[in-house]
Amino acid sequence: MKNPFAKDGRQIGDRRDGKLIRDLDSLHYITGIIYPNRCDNEAFISETIDLTAINEYLKKKNCEGIEYKYNLFQIINAGIIKMLTLRPKMNRFIANDNFYQRNEVSTAFVVKKLFADNGAEALAFVHATDDDTIDTIHEKIYKQVSSCRSDKADSTTESMDVFNKIPRFVSKAAIHGVMWLDKHGWVPAGLIETDPYYSSCVISNLGSIKMKSGYHHLTNWGSCSMITLIGEIKDKPVLKEDGTTEVKPCVDIGITIDERLADGYYYAKSIRLFRKLMANPELLERPMSEAVEF
């Protein structure tokens, strides 16, 4: 039944950011009720990516005169977007005990304005489409980073600043009210426009600050069901097909996902797709919705 209060064709039960999954099997339907908290249902996956193919690809892309260079972060970002596009169960979320299919694929990340202890941070969001490629994702990230490093604060940070400036007993009551709205998908868009925990996947490049990748928890706030950490690039021994090893540049990636969304087989195939894209980054030059054999 169409929601009479919605102007975008939503049905009753749908949210602004996702469509209620009405044909869910009984096992997953019950799982969303008896395991209601996202933080209690985390699965962690650790991957090591051989960067040989990516480094060769970046040399070709970063031709002389290009202003904003292609880099590893953009490749991983585009790879995750393509994986989420082709494996739609990875782009679901659970809220208020219900399963939803997210309306779009998006990634979010934090931009450090200045690498210093007191350097401010800004929130960046990449909204992807089926027609996007590594080139359009590269351009979107460039625009986001340029905007974040200006003096203007993003809308979500401005909203948080308001709560921090009013008396605490008032702000705490207001925040608890917003948390109730979050549970039902009714938080005003302006408050969460750049909130990373309303994206499909939060990506953090810890390698840029010389840190290893690892586990990062999910949150019960928002709708994000996947967090990806990128570690520092290191030379590591890689096993070759003939049984010998060769030292190659590698990066460790940690992925935390909500295990309630799908079964282990679905997750395993999704990770295999991501590996395929990292080993063959030229596939990212095709539209995100174009199928890949793996």
C-alpha atoms as a PDB file:
ATOM      1  CA  MET A   1       0.000   0.000   0.000  1.00  0.00           C
ATOM      2  CA  LYS A   2       1.338   3.407  -0.983  1.00  0.00           C
ATOM      3  CA  ASN A   3       2.247   5.717   1.875  1.00  0.00           C
ATOM      4  CA  PRO A   4      -0.059   8.763   1.556  1.00  0.00           C
ATOM      5  CA  PHE A   5       2.534  10.945   3.329  1.00  0.00           C
ATOM      6  CA  ALA A   6       5.408  10.041   0.992  1.00  0.00           C
ATOM      7  CA  LYS A   7       6.060  12.067  -2.145  1.00  0.00           C
ATOM      8  CA  ASP A   8       8.459   9.569  -3.739  1.00  0.00           C
ATOM      9  CA  GLY A   9       6.251   6.516  -4.216  1.00  0.00           C
ATOM     10  CA  ARG A  10       7.263   4.815  -0.974  1.00  0.00           C
ATOM     11  CA  GLN A  11       4.985   2.144   0.431  1.00  0.00           C
ATOM     12  CA  ILE A  12       3.941   1.897   4.068  1.00  0.00           C
ATOM     13  CA  GLY A  13       6.888   0.389   5.944  1.00  0.00           C
ATOM     14  CA  ASP A  14       9.560   1.832   3.630  1.00  0.00           C
ATOM     15  CA  ARG A  15      12.089   4.354   4.882  1.00  0.00           C
ATOM     16  CA  ARG A  16      13.521   7.384   3.158  1.00  0.00           C
ATOM     17  CA  ASP A  17      16.824   5.537   2.732  1.00  0.00           C
ATOM     18  CA  GLY A  18      15.616   1.993   2.146  1.00  0.00           C
ATOM     19  CA  LYS A  19      12.830  -0.270   0.952  1.00  0.00           C
ATOM     20  CA  LEU A  20      11.322  -2.782   3.396  1.00  0.00           C
ATOM     21  CA  ILE A  21      12.106  -6.344   2.263  1.00  0.00           C
ATOM     22  CA  ARG A  22       8.694  -7.989   2.271  1.00  0.00           C
ATOM     23  CA  ASP A  23       9.611 -11.393   0.803  1.00  0.00           C
ATOM     24  CA  LEU A  24      12.285 -12.204   3.385  1.00  0.00           C
ATOM     25  CA  ASP A  25      12.673 -15.868   4.347  1.00  0.00           C
ATOM     26  CA  SER A  26      11.491 -16.839   7.830  1.00  0.00           C
ATOM     27  CA  LEU A  27      15.000 -17.489   9.221  1.00  0.00           C
ATOM     28  CA  HIS A  28      16.258 -13.983   8.460  1.00  0.00           C
ATOM     29  CA  TYR A  29      12.952 -12.403   9.480  1.00  0.00           C
ATOM     30  CA  ILE A  30      13.219 -13.979  12.930  1.00  0.00           C
ATOM     31  CA  THR A  31      16.958 -13.237  13.159  1.00  0.00           C
ATOM     32  CA  GLY A  32      16.294  -9.502  12.869  1.00  0.00           C
ATOM     33  CA  ILE A  33      13.975  -9.700  15.885  1.00  0.00           C
ATOM     34  CA  ILE A  34      15.863 -11.985  18.276  1.00  0.00           C
ATOM     35  CA  TYR A  35      19.227 -10.331  17.483  1.00  0.00           C
ATOM     36  CA  PRO A  36      18.215  -6.659  17.370  1.00  0.00           C
ATOM     37  CA  ASN A  37      21.592  -4.914  17.838  1.00  0.00           C
ATOM     38  CA  ARG A  38      24.037  -4.446  14.962  1.00  0.00           C
ATOM     39  CA  CYS A  39      27.029  -4.300  17.323  1.00  0.00           C
ATOM     40  CA  ASP A  40      26.208  -7.766  18.693  1.00  0.00           C
ATOM     41  CA  ASN A  41      26.269  -9.370  15.239  1.00  0.00           C
ATOM     42  CA  GLU A  42      29.617  -8.458  13.752  1.00  0.00           C
ATOM     43  CA  ALA A  43      31.768 -10.672  11.560  1.00  0.00           C
ATOM     44  CA  PHE A  44      35.348  -9.659  10.827  1.00  0.00           C
ATOM     45  CA  ILE A  45      37.242 -10.504   7.631  1.00  0.00           C
ATOM     46  CA  SER A  46      40.951  -9.832   7.105  1.00  0.00           C
ATOM     47  CA  GLU A  47      42.367  -9.691   3.576  1.00  0.00           C
ATOM     48  CA  THR A  48      45.868  -9.097   2.226  1.00  0.00           C
ATOM     49  CA  ILE A  49      45.952  -7.545  -1.243  1.00  0.00           C
ATOM     50  CA  ASP A  50      48.945  -7.945  -3.558  1.00  0.00           C
ATOM     51  CA  LEU A  51      49.419  -4.449  -5.008  1.00  0.00           C
ATOM     52  CA  THR A  52      51.427  -5.443  -8.083  1.00  0.00           C
ATOM     53  CA  ALA A  53      48.506  -5.103 -10.522  1.00  0.00           C
ATOM     54  CA  ILE A  54      47.148  -1.966  -8.831  1.00  0.00           C
ATOM     55  CA  ASN A  55      50.531  -0.219  -8.903  1.00  0.00           C
ATOM     56  CA  GLU A  56      50.937  -0.953 -12.618  1.00  0.00           C
ATOM     57  CA  TYR A  57      47.427   0.321 -13.263  1.00  0.00           C
ATOM     58  CA  LEU A  58      48.069   3.525 -11.316  1.00  0.00           C
ATOM     59  CA  LYS A  59      51.182   4.214 -13.392  1.00  0.00           C
ATOM     60  CA  LYS A  60      49.041   4.120 -16.535  1.00  0.00           C
ATOM     61  CA  LYS A  61      46.266   6.274 -15.069  1.00  0.00           C
ATOM     62  CA  ASN A  62      48.523   8.945 -13.591  1.00  0.00           C
ATOM     63  CA  CYS A  63      49.686  10.367 -16.883  1.00  0.00           C
ATOM     64  CA  GLU A  64      51.737  13.543 -16.941  1.00  0.00           C
ATOM     65  CA  GLY A  65      49.756  16.679 -16.212  1.00  0.00           C
ATOM     66  CA  ILE A  66      46.884  15.072 -14.284  1.00  0.00           C
ATOM     67  CA  GLU A  67      46.036  17.387 -11.389  1.00  0.00           C
ATOM     68  CA  TYR A  68      44.518  14.948  -8.893  1.00  0.00           C
ATOM     69  CA  LYS A  69      46.356  11.637  -8.970  1.00  0.00           C
ATOM     70  CA  TYR A  70      44.606   8.282  -8.871  1.00  0.00           C
ATOM     71  CA  ASN A  71      45.549   6.336  -5.741  1.00  0.00           C
ATOM     72  CA  LEU A  72      44.963   3.120  -3.805  1.00  0.00           C
ATOM     73  CA  PHE A  73      42.161   4.606  -1.699  1.00  0.00           C
ATOM     74  CA  GLN A  74      40.147   5.421  -4.824  1.00  0.00           C
ATOM     75  CA  ILE A  75      40.699   1.930  -6.260  1.00  0.00           C
ATOM     76  CA  ILE A  76      39.500   0.260  -3.051  1.00  0.00           C
ATOM     77  CA  ASN A  77      36.594   2.688  -2.815  1.00  0.00           C
ATOM     78  CA  ALA A  78      35.493   1.892  -6.363  1.00  0.00           C
ATOM     79  CA  GLY A  79      36.003  -1.838  -5.766  1.00  0.00           C
ATOM     80  CA  ILE A  80      33.728  -1.793  -2.733  1.00  0.00           C
ATOM     81  CA  ILE A  81      31.095   0.192  -4.626  1.00  0.00           C
ATOM     82  CA  LYS A  82      31.124  -2.327  -7.496  1.00  0.00           C
ATOM     83  CA  MET A  83      30.945  -5.247  -5.067  1.00  0.00           C
ATOM     84  CA  LEU A  84      27.970  -3.705  -3.265  1.00  0.00           C
ATOM     85  CA  THR A  85      26.272  -2.990  -6.608  1.00  0.00           C
ATOM     86  CA  LEU A  86      26.668  -6.539  -7.922  1.00  0.00           C
ATOM     87  CA  ARG A  87      26.022  -8.217  -4.548  1.00  0.00           C
ATOM     88  CA  PRO A  88      22.910  -6.366  -3.300  1.00  0.00           C
ATOM     89  CA  LYS A  89      22.483  -8.310  -0.044  1.00  0.00           C
ATOM     90  CA  MET A  90      25.710  -6.649   1.090  1.00  0.00           C
ATOM     91  CA  ASN A  91      23.885  -3.326   0.722  1.00  0.00           C
ATOM     92  CA  ARG A  92      21.092  -4.130   3.158  1.00  0.00           C
ATOM     93  CA  PHE A  93      20.610  -2.954   6.719  1.00  0.00           C
ATOM     94  CA  ILE A  94      18.460  -3.840   9.724  1.00  0.00           C
ATOM     95  CA  ALA A  95      16.637  -1.174  11.717  1.00  0.00           C
ATOM     96  CA  ASN A  96      13.804  -1.490  14.228  1.00  0.00           C
ATOM     97  CA  ASP A  97      13.934  -5.318  13.743  1.00  0.00           C
ATOM     98  CA  ASN A  98      13.242  -5.008   9.987  1.00  0.00           C
ATOM     99  CA  PHE A  99      15.395  -5.732   6.924  1.00  0.00           C
ATOM    100  CA  TYR A 100      15.751  -2.985   4.312  1.00  0.00           C
ATOM    101  CA  GLN A 101      17.350  -2.808   0.882  1.00  0.00           C
ATOM    102  CA  ARG A 102      19.245   0.456   0.689  1.00  0.00           C
ATOM    103  CA  ASN A 103      18.102   2.826  -2.056  1.00  0.00           C
ATOM    104  CA  GLU A 104      21.628   3.606  -3.225  1.00  0.00           C
ATOM    105  CA  VAL A 105      25.230   2.492  -2.899  1.00  0.00           C
ATOM    106  CA  SER A 106      27.356   4.963  -0.980  1.00  0.00           C
ATOM    107  CA  THR A 107      30.674   5.154   0.815  1.00  0.00           C
ATOM    108  CA  ALA A 108      31.806   7.616   3.457  1.00  0.00           C
ATOM    109  CA  PHE A 109      35.109   8.622   4.962  1.00  0.00           C
ATOM    110  CA  VAL A 110      36.682  11.209   7.241  1.00  0.00           C
ATOM    111  CA  VAL A 111      38.985  13.856   5.786  1.00  0.00           C
ATOM    112  CA  LYS A 112      41.657  15.261   8.084  1.00  0.00           C
ATOM    113  CA  LYS A 113      42.009  18.958   7.294  1.00  0.00           C
ATOM    114  CA  LEU A 114      45.450  19.152   8.874  1.00  0.00           C
ATOM    115  CA  PHE A 115      47.725  16.324  10.033  1.00  0.00           C
ATOM    116  CA  ALA A 116      48.177  17.645  13.562  1.00  0.00           C
ATOM    117  CA  ASP A 117      46.849  16.736  17.024  1.00  0.00           C
ATOM    118  CA  ASN A 118      44.380  19.613  16.905  1.00  0.00           C
ATOM    119  CA  GLY A 119      43.620  19.297  13.182  1.00  0.00           C
ATOM    120  CA  ALA A 120      39.908  19.428  12.429  1.00  0.00           C
ATOM    121  CA  GLU A 121      38.065  16.641  10.609  1.00  0.00           C
ATOM    122  CA  ALA A 122      35.271  16.764   8.037  1.00  0.00           C
ATOM    123  CA  LEU A 123      32.843  14.097   6.831  1.00  0.00           C
ATOM    124  CA  ALA A 124      32.769  13.092   3.159  1.00  0.00           C
ATOM    125  CA  PHE A 125      30.151  11.088   1.258  1.00  0.00           C
ATOM    126  CA  VAL A 126      30.288   9.436  -2.177  1.00  0.00           C
ATOM    127  CA  HIS A 127      26.870   8.708  -3.711  1.00  0.00           C
ATOM    128  CA  ALA A 128      27.344   6.132  -6.467  1.00  0.00           C
ATOM    129  CA  THR A 129      25.186   5.221  -9.459  1.00  0.00           C
ATOM    130  CA  ASP A 130      25.046   2.147 -11.686  1.00  0.00           C
ATOM    131  CA  ASP A 131      26.821   4.079 -14.452  1.00  0.00           C
ATOM    132  CA  ASP A 132      29.779   5.150 -12.333  1.00  0.00           C
ATOM    133  CA  THR A 133      33.310   3.998 -13.184  1.00  0.00           C
ATOM    134  CA  ILE A 134      36.681   4.474 -11.511  1.00  0.00           C
ATOM    135  CA  ASP A 135      36.974   7.768 -13.404  1.00  0.00           C
ATOM    136  CA  THR A 136      33.710   9.221 -12.094  1.00  0.00           C
ATOM    137  CA  ILE A 137      34.420   7.922  -8.571  1.00  0.00           C
ATOM    138  CA  HIS A 138      37.866   9.573  -8.792  1.00  0.00           C
ATOM    139  CA  GLU A 139      36.174  12.870  -9.684  1.00  0.00           C
ATOM    140  CA  LYS A 140      33.587  12.562  -6.892  1.00  0.00           C
ATOM    141  CA  ILE A 141      36.273  11.882  -4.296  1.00  0.00           C
ATOM    142  CA  TYR A 142      38.304  14.829  -5.578  1.00  0.00           C
ATOM    143  CA  LYS A 143      35.314  17.151  -5.137  1.00  0.00           C
ATOM    144  CA  GLN A 144      34.582  15.779  -1.661  1.00  0.00           C
ATOM    145  CA  VAL A 145      38.178  16.127  -0.447  1.00  0.00           C
ATOM    146  CA  SER A 146      38.457  19.652  -1.880  1.00  0.00           C
ATOM    147  CA  SER A 147      35.224  20.679  -0.171  1.00  0.00           C
ATOM    148  CA  CYS A 148      36.176  19.085   3.150  1.00  0.00           C
ATOM    149  CA  ARG A 149      39.536  20.855   3.284  1.00  0.00           C
ATOM    150  CA  SER A 150      37.902  24.252   2.969  1.00  0.00           C
ATOM    151  CA  ASP A 151      36.938  26.264   6.045  1.00  0.00           C
ATOM    152  CA  LYS A 152      33.237  25.418   5.659  1.00  0.00           C
ATOM    153  CA  ALA A 153      31.894  22.699   7.961  1.00  0.00           C
ATOM    154  CA  ASP A 154      29.718  19.900   6.565  1.00  0.00           C
ATOM    155  CA  SER A 155      26.022  19.883   7.495  1.00  0.00           C
ATOM    156  CA  THR A 156      26.247  16.979   9.955  1.00  0.00           C
ATOM    157  CA  THR A 157      29.146  18.579  11.836  1.00  0.00           C
ATOM    158  CA  GLU A 158      27.227  21.866  12.004  1.00  0.00           C
ATOM    159  CA  SER A 159      24.238  20.004  13.468  1.00  0.00           C
ATOM    160  CA  MET A 160      26.424  18.285  16.095  1.00  0.00           C
ATOM    161  CA  ASP A 161      27.924  21.638  17.032  1.00  0.00           C
ATOM    162  CA  VAL A 162      24.451  22.911  17.916  1.00  0.00           C
ATOM    163  CA  PHE A 163      23.928  20.083  20.429  1.00  0.00           C
ATOM    164  CA  ASN A 164      27.306  20.863  21.980  1.00  0.00           C
ATOM    165  CA  LYS A 165      26.507  24.528  22.543  1.00  0.00           C
ATOM    166  CA  ILE A 166      23.218  24.247  24.431  1.00  0.00           C
ATOM    167  CA  PRO A 167      22.881  23.211  28.137  1.00  0.00           C
ATOM    168  CA  ARG A 168      23.763  19.547  28.588  1.00  0.00           C
ATOM    169  CA  PHE A 169      20.489  18.442  30.175  1.00  0.00           C
ATOM    170  CA  VAL A 170      18.680  19.890  27.152  1.00  0.00           C
ATOM    171  CA  SER A 171      21.089  18.465  24.570  1.00  0.00           C
ATOM    172  CA  LYS A 172      21.064  14.979  26.140  1.00  0.00           C
ATOM    173  CA  ALA A 173      17.266  14.880  26.079  1.00  0.00           C
ATOM    174  CA  ALA A 174      17.266  16.103  22.476  1.00  0.00           C
ATOM    175  CA  ILE A 175      19.863  13.521  21.428  1.00  0.00           C
ATOM    176  CA  HIS A 176      17.853  10.691  22.997  1.00  0.00           C
ATOM    177  CA  GLY A 177      14.883  11.956  21.010  1.00  0.00           C
ATOM    178  CA  VAL A 178      16.951  11.898  17.816  1.00  0.00           C
ATOM    179  CA  MET A 179      18.036   8.321  18.639  1.00  0.00           C
ATOM    180  CA  TRP A 180      14.373   7.307  18.783  1.00  0.00           C
ATOM    181  CA  LEU A 181      13.833   8.972  15.405  1.00  0.00           C
ATOM    182  CA  ASP A 182      16.876   7.113  14.068  1.00  0.00           C
ATOM    183  CA  LYS A 183      15.342   3.768  15.018  1.00  0.00           C
ATOM    184  CA  HIS A 184      12.337   4.519  12.812  1.00  0.00           C
ATOM    185  CA  GLY A 185      14.192   6.279   9.988  1.00  0.00           C
ATOM    186  CA  TRP A 186      12.716   9.672  10.741  1.00  0.00           C
ATOM    187  CA  VAL A 187      15.839  11.729  11.512  1.00  0.00           C
ATOM    188  CA  PRO A 188      15.716  15.023   9.549  1.00  0.00           C
ATOM    189  CA  ALA A 189      17.853  14.741   6.418  1.00  0.00           C
ATOM    190  CA  GLY A 190      19.907  17.811   7.313  1.00  0.00           C
ATOM    191  CA  LEU A 191      21.199  16.148  10.499  1.00  0.00           C
ATOM    192  CA  ILE A 192      22.538  13.044   8.744  1.00  0.00           C
ATOM    193  CA  GLU A 193      23.336  14.315   5.248  1.00  0.00           C
ATOM    194  CA  THR A 194      27.036  13.567   5.661  1.00  0.00           C
ATOM    195  CA  ASP A 195      26.835  11.161   8.608  1.00  0.00           C
ATOM    196  CA  PRO A 196      29.113   8.241   7.600  1.00  0.00           C
ATOM    197  CA  TYR A 197      27.015   5.788   9.594  1.00  0.00           C
ATOM    198  CA  TYR A 198      24.181   6.289   7.121  1.00  0.00           C
ATOM    199  CA  SER A 199      26.314   5.070   4.209  1.00  0.00           C
ATOM    200  CA  SER A 200      26.629   1.587   2.732  1.00  0.00           C
ATOM    201  CA  CYS A 201      30.240   1.368   3.888  1.00  0.00           C
ATOM    202  CA  VAL A 202      32.567   3.516   5.961  1.00  0.00           C
ATOM    203  CA  ILE A 203      36.152   3.420   4.667  1.00  0.00           C
ATOM    204  CA  SER A 204      39.102   4.507   6.788  1.00  0.00           C
ATOM    205  CA  ASN A 205      42.591   4.806   5.314  1.00  0.00           C
ATOM    206  CA  LEU A 206      44.753   4.112   8.370  1.00  0.00           C
ATOM    207  CA  GLY A 207      47.760   3.646   6.105  1.00  0.00           C
ATOM    208  CA  SER A 208      47.808   7.400   5.535  1.00  0.00           C
ATOM    209  CA  ILE A 209      48.729   7.836   9.216  1.00  0.00           C
ATOM    210  CA  LYS A 210      51.149   4.862   9.247  1.00  0.00           C
ATOM    211  CA  MET A 211      48.852   2.454  11.095  1.00  0.00           C
ATOM    212  CA  LYS A 212      47.946  -1.183  10.534  1.00  0.00           C
ATOM    213  CA  SER A 213      44.450  -2.221   9.537  1.00  0.00           C
ATOM    214  CA  GLY A 214      42.339  -4.249  11.930  1.00  0.00           C
ATOM    215  CA  TYR A 215      38.922  -4.595  13.484  1.00  0.00           C
ATOM    216  CA  HIS A 216      36.530  -1.667  13.813  1.00  0.00           C
ATOM    217  CA  HIS A 217      33.140  -2.072  15.448  1.00  0.00           C
ATOM    218  CA  LEU A 218      29.828  -1.319  13.769  1.00  0.00           C
ATOM    219  CA  THR A 219      27.327   1.006  15.456  1.00  0.00           C
ATOM    220  CA  ASN A 220      23.675   0.690  16.427  1.00  0.00           C
ATOM    221  CA  TRP A 221      23.205   4.281  15.323  1.00  0.00           C
ATOM    222  CA  GLY A 222      22.448   4.814  11.637  1.00  0.00           C
ATOM    223  CA  SER A 223      22.208   2.080   9.018  1.00  0.00           C
ATOM    224  CA  CYS A 224      25.793   1.255   8.010  1.00  0.00           C
ATOM    225  CA  SER A 225      26.384  -2.500   7.840  1.00  0.00           C
ATOM    226  CA  MET A 226      30.014  -2.508   6.684  1.00  0.00           C
ATOM    227  CA  ILE A 227      33.243  -0.819   7.758  1.00  0.00           C
ATOM    228  CA  THR A 228      36.539  -1.189   5.890  1.00  0.00           C
ATOM    229  CA  LEU A 229      39.986  -0.285   7.219  1.00  0.00           C
ATOM    230  CA  ILE A 230      42.981   0.090   4.892  1.00  0.00           C
ATOM    231  CA  GLY A 231      46.373  -0.490   6.465  1.00  0.00           C
ATOM    232  CA  GLU A 232      49.878   0.692   5.700  1.00  0.00           C
ATOM    233  CA  ILE A 233      51.571  -0.626   2.550  1.00  0.00           C
ATOM    234  CA  LYS A 234      54.288  -3.172   3.407  1.00  0.00           C
ATOM    235  CA  ASP A 235      56.521  -5.563   1.479  1.00  0.00           C
ATOM    236  CA  LYS A 236      55.470  -9.146   2.206  1.00  0.00           C
ATOM    237  CA  PRO A 237      56.323 -12.621   0.892  1.00  0.00           C
ATOM    238  CA  VAL A 238      53.642 -13.827  -1.547  1.00  0.00           C
ATOM    239  CA  LEU A 239      53.243 -17.511  -2.433  1.00  0.00           C
ATOM    240  CA  LYS A 240      53.506 -18.170  -6.189  1.00  0.00           C
ATOM    241  CA  GLU A 241      51.801 -20.950  -8.140  1.00  0.00           C
ATOM    242  CA  ASP A 242      55.036 -22.972  -8.328  1.00  0.00           C
ATOM    243  CA  GLY A 243      55.307 -23.046  -4.535  1.00  0.00           C
ATOM    244  CA  THR A 244      58.055 -20.441  -4.235  1.00  0.00           C
ATOM    245  CA  THR A 245      57.639 -17.051  -2.601  1.00  0.00           C
ATOM    246  CA  GLU A 246      58.322 -13.550  -3.844  1.00  0.00           C
ATOM    247  CA  VAL A 247      58.398 -10.318  -1.865  1.00  0.00           C
ATOM    248  CA  LYS A 248      55.767  -7.887  -3.164  1.00  0.00           C
ATOM    249  CA  PRO A 249      54.091  -4.672  -1.967  1.00  0.00           C
ATOM    250  CA  CYS A 250      50.906  -5.579  -0.117  1.00  0.00           C
ATOM    251  CA  VAL A 251      48.211  -3.933   1.961  1.00  0.00           C
ATOM    252  CA  ASP A 252      46.101  -5.485   4.708  1.00  0.00           C
ATOM    253  CA  ILE A 253      42.388  -4.706   4.704  1.00  0.00           C
ATOM    254  CA  GLY A 254      40.012  -5.319   7.604  1.00  0.00           C
ATOM    255  CA  ILE A 255      36.281  -5.597   6.863  1.00  0.00           C
ATOM    256  CA  THR A 256      33.604  -5.707   9.575  1.00  0.00           C
ATOM    257  CA  ILE A 257      30.112  -6.681   8.405  1.00  0.00           C
ATOM    258  CA  ASP A 258      26.684  -7.333   9.911  1.00  0.00           C
ATOM    259  CA  GLU A 259      26.468 -11.128   9.738  1.00  0.00           C
ATOM    260  CA  ARG A 260      22.658 -11.123   9.861  1.00  0.00           C
ATOM    261  CA  LEU A 261      22.272  -9.843   6.280  1.00  0.00           C
ATOM    262  CA  ALA A 262      23.227 -13.028   4.422  1.00  0.00           C
ATOM    263  CA  ASP A 263      24.848 -16.436   4.871  1.00  0.00           C
ATOM    264  CA  GLY A 264      28.570 -17.201   4.864  1.00  0.00           C
ATOM    265  CA  TYR A 265      28.520 -18.472   1.278  1.00  0.00           C
ATOM    266  CA  TYR A 266      27.137 -15.141   0.020  1.00  0.00           C
ATOM    267  CA  TYR A 267      29.773 -13.231   1.961  1.00  0.00           C
ATOM    268  CA  ALA A 268      32.563 -15.497   0.689  1.00  0.00           C
ATOM    269  CA  LYS A 269      31.521 -14.964  -2.947  1.00  0.00           C
ATOM    270  CA  SER A 270      31.358 -11.224  -2.363  1.00  0.00           C
ATOM    271  CA  ILE A 271      34.905 -11.157  -1.005  1.00  0.00           C
ATOM    272  CA  ARG A 272      36.089 -13.259  -3.956  1.00  0.00           C
ATOM    273  CA  LEU A 273      34.578 -10.657  -6.274  1.00  0.00           C
ATOM    274  CA  PHE A 274      36.438  -7.903  -4.397  1.00  0.00           C
ATOM    275  CA  ARG A 275      39.702  -9.855  -4.736  1.00  0.00           C
ATOM    276  CA  LYS A 276      39.080 -10.229  -8.486  1.00  0.00           C
ATOM    277  CA  LEU A 277      38.591  -6.467  -8.848  1.00  0.00           C
ATOM    278  CA  MET A 278      41.781  -5.710  -6.911  1.00  0.00           C
ATOM    279  CA  ALA A 279      43.747  -8.154  -9.076  1.00  0.00           C
ATOM    280  CA  ASN A 280      42.212  -6.690 -12.252  1.00  0.00           C
ATOM    281  CA  PRO A 281      41.593  -2.972 -11.550  1.00  0.00           C
ATOM    282  CA  GLU A 282      40.900  -2.256 -15.230  1.00  0.00           C
ATOM    283  CA  LEU A 283      37.493  -3.903 -14.631  1.00  0.00           C
ATOM    284  CA  LEU A 284      36.603  -0.781 -12.648  1.00  0.00           C
ATOM    285  CA  GLU A 285      36.622   1.221 -15.887  1.00  0.00           C
ATOM    286  CA  ARG A 286      33.363  -0.500 -16.797  1.00  0.00           C
ATOM    287  CA  PRO A 287      30.008   0.629 -15.289  1.00  0.00           C
ATOM    288  CA  MET A 288      29.452  -0.504 -11.722  1.00  0.00           C
ATOM    289  CA  SER A 289      26.368  -2.494 -12.727  1.00  0.00           C
ATOM    290  CA  GLU A 290      28.223  -4.475 -15.407  1.00  0.00           C
ATOM    291  CA  ALA A 291      28.619  -8.111 -14.329  1.00  0.00           C
ATOM    292  CA  VAL A 292      32.048  -9.636 -13.669  1.00  0.00           C
ATOM    293  CA  GLU A 293      32.921 -13.321 -13.975  1.00  0.00           C
ATOM    294  CA  PHE A 294      34.737 -14.599 -10.907  1.00  0.00           C
END
